[in-house]
Amino acid sequence: MRARFRGGHDRRGGVLGYPLAQMLEEVAFIAYHFHWPLDEIMVMEHADRRHWVEQISAINLQMNESGG
């Protein structure tokens, strides 16, 4: 998807200001813990991916606190 901005510059669509390295870290985190396919995780909305990262982190914290 292309957008035209003032001054005639073209820019591809996407999440602006969201670092690629952080997104890849989230994808790897979810894939490692839930074993979901990469393509399914990559097409998730940012908010959904963040939700699952938070859920996995809460599960890990609970397990660590209970000694499991």
Protein backbone atom coordinates (compact mmCIF):
# COMPACT_ATOMS: atom_id res chain seq x y z
CA MET A 1 0.00 0.00 0.00
CA ARG A 2 1.35 3.43 -0.92
CA ALA A 3 0.43 6.78 0.49
CA ARG A 4 1.27 10.16 -1.00
CA PHE A 5 2.23 12.90 1.43
CA ARG A 6 2.76 16.64 1.08
CA GLY A 7 5.74 17.37 -1.07
CA GLY A 8 4.94 14.45 -3.39
CA HIS A 9 6.83 11.81 -1.42
CA ASP A 10 5.60 8.24 -1.58
CA ARG A 11 5.76 6.08 1.50
CA ARG A 12 4.81 2.45 1.97
CA GLY A 13 2.11 1.66 4.55
CA GLY A 14 2.71 -0.14 7.80
CA VAL A 15 3.11 0.51 11.48
CA LEU A 16 5.00 3.75 11.82
CA GLY A 17 7.44 4.07 14.67
CA TYR A 18 7.32 0.38 15.68
CA PRO A 19 10.84 -1.03 15.61
CA LEU A 20 11.34 -4.10 13.46
CA ALA A 21 13.67 -5.65 16.03
CA GLN A 22 10.98 -5.43 18.72
CA MET A 23 8.37 -6.98 16.44
CA LEU A 24 10.70 -9.86 15.59
CA GLU A 25 11.43 -10.37 19.29
CA GLU A 26 7.69 -10.61 20.01
CA VAL A 27 7.21 -13.06 17.15
CA ALA A 28 10.08 -15.26 18.35
CA PHE A 29 8.79 -15.14 21.95
CA ILE A 30 5.29 -16.29 20.96
CA ALA A 31 6.58 -18.93 18.52
CA TYR A 32 8.96 -20.34 21.14
CA HIS A 33 6.37 -20.63 23.89
CA PHE A 34 3.22 -21.52 21.95
CA HIS A 35 4.76 -23.21 18.89
CA TRP A 36 2.46 -21.27 16.58
CA PRO A 37 3.49 -21.01 12.91
CA LEU A 38 5.52 -17.94 12.00
CA ASP A 39 3.13 -16.83 9.26
CA GLU A 40 0.18 -16.80 11.69
CA ILE A 41 2.06 -14.69 14.22
CA MET A 42 3.38 -12.27 11.60
CA VAL A 43 -0.11 -11.39 10.34
CA MET A 44 -1.46 -10.63 13.83
CA GLU A 45 -2.39 -7.08 14.65
CA HIS A 46 0.17 -5.38 16.87
CA ALA A 47 -2.25 -5.19 19.82
CA ASP A 48 -3.02 -8.92 19.55
CA ARG A 49 0.66 -9.83 19.45
CA ARG A 50 1.35 -7.62 22.50
CA HIS A 51 -1.58 -9.28 24.28
CA TRP A 52 -0.09 -12.75 23.77
CA VAL A 53 3.37 -11.59 24.84
CA GLU A 54 1.85 -10.25 28.07
CA GLN A 55 -0.13 -13.47 28.63
CA ILE A 56 2.94 -15.66 28.12
CA SER A 57 4.95 -13.45 30.48
CA ALA A 58 2.23 -13.73 33.13
CA ILE A 59 2.18 -17.53 32.77
CA ASN A 60 5.99 -17.67 33.11
CA LEU A 61 5.92 -15.40 36.16
CA GLN A 62 3.23 -17.51 37.82
CA MET A 63 5.15 -20.71 37.12
CA ASN A 64 8.40 -19.23 38.46
CA GLU A 65 6.71 -18.01 41.63
CA SER A 66 5.10 -21.40 42.28
CA GLY A 67 8.37 -23.24 41.67
CA GLY A 68 6.95 -25.04 38.62
